[in-house]
Amino acid sequence: MMGNDDMWPFLLAISSVPAILHVGALFFFPESPRYLYIDKGDFEGGRKALQWLWQEDDVKMELEDMQNERDSTQGEKAKTMKDVLTSRCVRWQLLTLAFPCSSIQFCGINALYFYALDIFRESGIPEEQRQYLTIGIGATELVAVVLCWLVLAKKTFNIPPVRKGEEEAACCFSDGEVV
């Protein structure tokens, strides 16, 4: 449809629309209540941000929790990127994220997506079926990710595979980047 010489600039421009909308929407949101109160020391700003977030005037319990957190972190220096990367307590979490993300770059799936139409053309598949085969590759990957997630949730963690919010997480992370 838009994958031709005349329409590709419009196809490229369409992908910028969500980013522009996101940046524009940021001006309508307040700063994080935690950032205002704990990091900046702005009690009133933190209270107003909490009231806007919760849509209620009584935010005393949340403010008390933030005050307790502020008291407990008083005098601690902020963590640097080097501190986080060398910390033993987050090493497994970092490896769990870094290994699959780097593996997906080396396995060739990105090249398959990029060259899929050319591969199908060279193999003699009619032009009207090529886009559907490309969609089929993505759908197959989505199904594989969801099935793996269901098996891991059941076998590894011994929990029911679908709990509140997990079905959305499976859909959000199904592109193969973070599984």
Protein backbone atom coordinates (compact mmCIF):
# COMPACT_ATOMS: atom_id res chain seq x y z
CA MET A 1 0.00 0.00 0.00
CA MET A 2 2.49 2.66 1.14
CA GLY A 3 5.62 0.67 0.39
CA ASN A 4 6.37 2.29 -2.96
CA ASP A 5 8.66 5.08 -4.15
CA ASP A 6 6.00 7.79 -3.97
CA MET A 7 4.52 6.98 -0.56
CA TRP A 8 7.55 6.00 1.57
CA PRO A 9 8.09 9.54 2.93
CA PHE A 10 4.55 9.47 4.29
CA LEU A 11 5.08 6.03 5.77
CA LEU A 12 8.21 7.29 7.50
CA ALA A 13 6.42 10.42 8.75
CA ILE A 14 3.54 8.40 10.22
CA SER A 15 5.91 6.73 12.66
CA SER A 16 6.79 10.13 14.14
CA VAL A 17 3.17 10.96 15.06
CA PRO A 18 3.07 8.92 18.33
CA ALA A 19 6.39 10.42 19.45
CA ILE A 20 5.18 13.96 18.79
CA LEU A 21 1.91 13.29 20.63
CA HIS A 22 3.82 11.82 23.57
CA VAL A 23 6.15 14.82 23.86
CA GLY A 24 3.19 17.19 23.57
CA ALA A 25 1.29 15.35 26.30
CA LEU A 26 4.22 15.67 28.72
CA PHE A 27 3.47 19.35 29.20
CA PHE A 28 0.09 18.46 30.72
CA PHE A 29 1.44 16.12 33.41
CA PRO A 30 2.95 17.25 36.70
CA GLU A 31 6.36 16.20 37.92
CA SER A 32 6.54 12.96 39.84
CA PRO A 33 5.36 13.47 43.44
CA ARG A 34 8.29 11.41 44.70
CA TYR A 35 10.79 13.49 42.72
CA LEU A 36 9.31 16.75 43.94
CA TYR A 37 9.08 15.77 47.60
CA ILE A 38 12.07 13.50 48.18
CA ASP A 39 14.64 14.67 45.65
CA LYS A 40 13.75 18.36 45.39
CA GLY A 41 12.39 18.86 48.92
CA ASP A 42 9.27 20.61 47.57
CA PHE A 43 6.57 19.46 50.00
CA GLU A 44 3.81 21.63 48.53
CA GLY A 45 4.61 20.63 44.95
CA GLY A 46 4.62 16.96 45.91
CA ARG A 47 1.27 17.33 47.68
CA LYS A 48 -0.30 19.06 44.66
CA ALA A 49 1.06 16.42 42.29
CA LEU A 50 -0.35 13.65 44.50
CA GLN A 51 -3.72 15.35 44.64
CA TRP A 52 -3.75 15.65 40.85
CA LEU A 53 -2.67 12.02 40.44
CA TRP A 54 -5.11 10.51 42.94
CA GLN A 55 -7.92 13.04 42.28
CA GLU A 56 -8.59 13.44 46.00
CA ASP A 57 -7.61 15.99 48.62
CA ASP A 58 -6.59 13.60 51.41
CA VAL A 59 -3.11 12.33 50.50
CA LYS A 60 -1.77 12.32 54.05
CA MET A 61 -0.83 8.60 54.07
CA GLU A 62 1.12 8.88 50.81
CA LEU A 63 2.95 11.95 52.10
CA GLU A 64 3.82 10.11 55.32
CA ASP A 65 5.20 7.18 53.30
CA MET A 66 7.30 9.57 51.24
CA GLN A 67 8.51 11.31 54.39
CA ASN A 68 9.57 7.95 55.84
CA GLU A 69 11.41 7.14 52.62
CA ARG A 70 13.03 10.56 52.62
CA ASP A 71 14.16 10.10 56.23
CA SER A 72 15.57 6.64 55.52
CA THR A 73 17.55 7.82 52.48
CA GLN A 74 18.81 11.01 54.08
CA GLY A 75 22.56 11.30 53.67
CA GLU A 76 22.85 8.61 51.00
CA LYS A 77 24.51 9.65 47.80
CA ALA A 78 22.73 9.08 44.51
CA LYS A 79 23.74 5.95 42.62
CA THR A 80 25.76 6.45 39.46
CA MET A 81 25.51 4.28 36.37
CA LYS A 82 28.82 2.64 37.33
CA ASP A 83 27.42 1.82 40.79
CA VAL A 84 24.39 0.13 39.26
CA LEU A 85 26.38 -1.83 36.68
CA THR A 86 28.89 -3.11 39.25
CA SER A 87 26.39 -3.84 42.02
CA ARG A 88 26.13 -7.53 42.94
CA CYS A 89 22.47 -7.20 43.98
CA VAL A 90 21.29 -6.37 40.44
CA ARG A 91 23.77 -8.48 38.46
CA TRP A 92 21.29 -11.27 37.62
CA GLN A 93 18.59 -8.81 36.63
CA LEU A 94 21.00 -7.04 34.27
CA LEU A 95 22.16 -10.32 32.75
CA THR A 96 18.58 -11.47 32.39
CA LEU A 97 17.85 -8.36 30.34
CA ALA A 98 21.15 -8.04 28.48
CA PHE A 99 21.43 -11.64 27.27
CA PRO A 100 18.06 -11.93 25.46
CA CYS A 101 18.30 -8.41 24.04
CA SER A 102 21.77 -9.00 22.64
CA SER A 103 20.86 -12.50 21.44
CA ILE A 104 17.94 -11.19 19.42
CA GLN A 105 20.35 -8.86 17.61
CA PHE A 106 22.70 -11.71 16.69
CA CYS A 107 20.13 -14.36 15.76
CA GLY A 108 19.16 -12.76 12.45
CA ILE A 109 15.46 -12.20 13.03
CA ASN A 110 15.86 -8.49 12.30
CA ALA A 111 17.49 -9.33 8.95
CA LEU A 112 14.62 -11.69 8.18
CA TYR A 113 12.08 -8.94 8.78
CA PHE A 114 14.11 -6.41 6.81
CA TYR A 115 14.67 -8.63 3.78
CA ALA A 116 11.46 -10.68 3.96
CA LEU A 117 9.85 -9.18 0.87
CA ASP A 118 13.07 -9.63 -1.13
CA ILE A 119 13.45 -13.23 0.04
CA PHE A 120 9.88 -14.00 -0.93
CA ARG A 121 10.32 -12.32 -4.33
CA GLU A 122 13.49 -14.31 -5.04
CA SER A 123 11.75 -17.54 -4.09
CA GLY A 124 8.98 -16.89 -6.64
CA ILE A 125 6.09 -16.09 -4.32
CA PRO A 126 3.45 -13.91 -6.04
CA GLU A 127 3.54 -10.23 -5.08
CA GLU A 128 0.01 -10.17 -3.66
CA GLN A 129 0.93 -12.88 -1.11
CA ARG A 130 4.26 -11.46 0.10
CA GLN A 131 2.86 -8.97 2.60
CA TYR A 132 0.64 -11.66 4.12
CA LEU A 133 3.62 -13.96 4.56
CA THR A 134 5.51 -11.16 6.31
CA ILE A 135 2.54 -10.64 8.64
CA GLY A 136 2.49 -14.41 9.18
CA ILE A 137 6.12 -14.38 10.33
CA GLY A 138 5.31 -11.72 12.93
CA ALA A 139 2.17 -13.56 14.05
CA THR A 140 4.14 -16.80 14.38
CA GLU A 141 6.70 -15.06 16.56
CA LEU A 142 3.93 -13.59 18.70
CA VAL A 143 2.34 -17.02 19.19
CA ALA A 144 5.74 -18.54 20.05
CA VAL A 145 6.44 -15.86 22.64
CA VAL A 146 3.04 -16.24 24.28
CA LEU A 147 3.37 -20.04 24.36
CA CYS A 148 6.86 -19.82 25.86
CA TRP A 149 5.57 -17.37 28.44
CA LEU A 150 2.73 -19.73 29.36
CA VAL A 151 5.10 -22.71 29.69
CA LEU A 152 7.63 -20.75 31.75
CA ALA A 153 4.96 -19.33 34.03
CA LYS A 154 3.56 -22.80 34.68
CA LYS A 155 6.75 -24.87 34.87
CA THR A 156 9.38 -22.49 36.24
CA PHE A 157 7.42 -20.41 38.70
CA ASN A 158 4.64 -22.93 39.39
CA ILE A 159 2.02 -20.21 39.16
CA PRO A 160 -1.12 -19.95 37.09
CA PRO A 161 -0.03 -18.39 33.80
CA VAL A 162 -2.63 -15.64 33.66
CA ARG A 163 -3.08 -13.27 36.54
CA LYS A 164 -4.31 -9.72 36.52
CA GLY A 165 -2.02 -7.61 34.35
CA GLU A 166 0.11 -10.46 33.02
CA GLU A 167 -1.82 -10.83 29.78
CA GLU A 168 -1.07 -7.18 28.99
CA ALA A 169 2.60 -7.73 29.82
CA ALA A 170 2.75 -10.69 27.46
CA CYS A 171 1.35 -8.57 24.65
CA CYS A 172 3.62 -5.62 25.39
CA PHE A 173 6.80 -7.70 25.41
CA SER A 174 5.92 -10.01 22.54
CA ASP A 175 8.11 -8.33 19.95
CA GLY A 176 11.04 -10.53 20.94
CA GLU A 177 13.12 -7.77 22.50
CA VAL A 178 12.32 -8.50 26.14
CA VAL A 179 11.08 -11.98 26.94
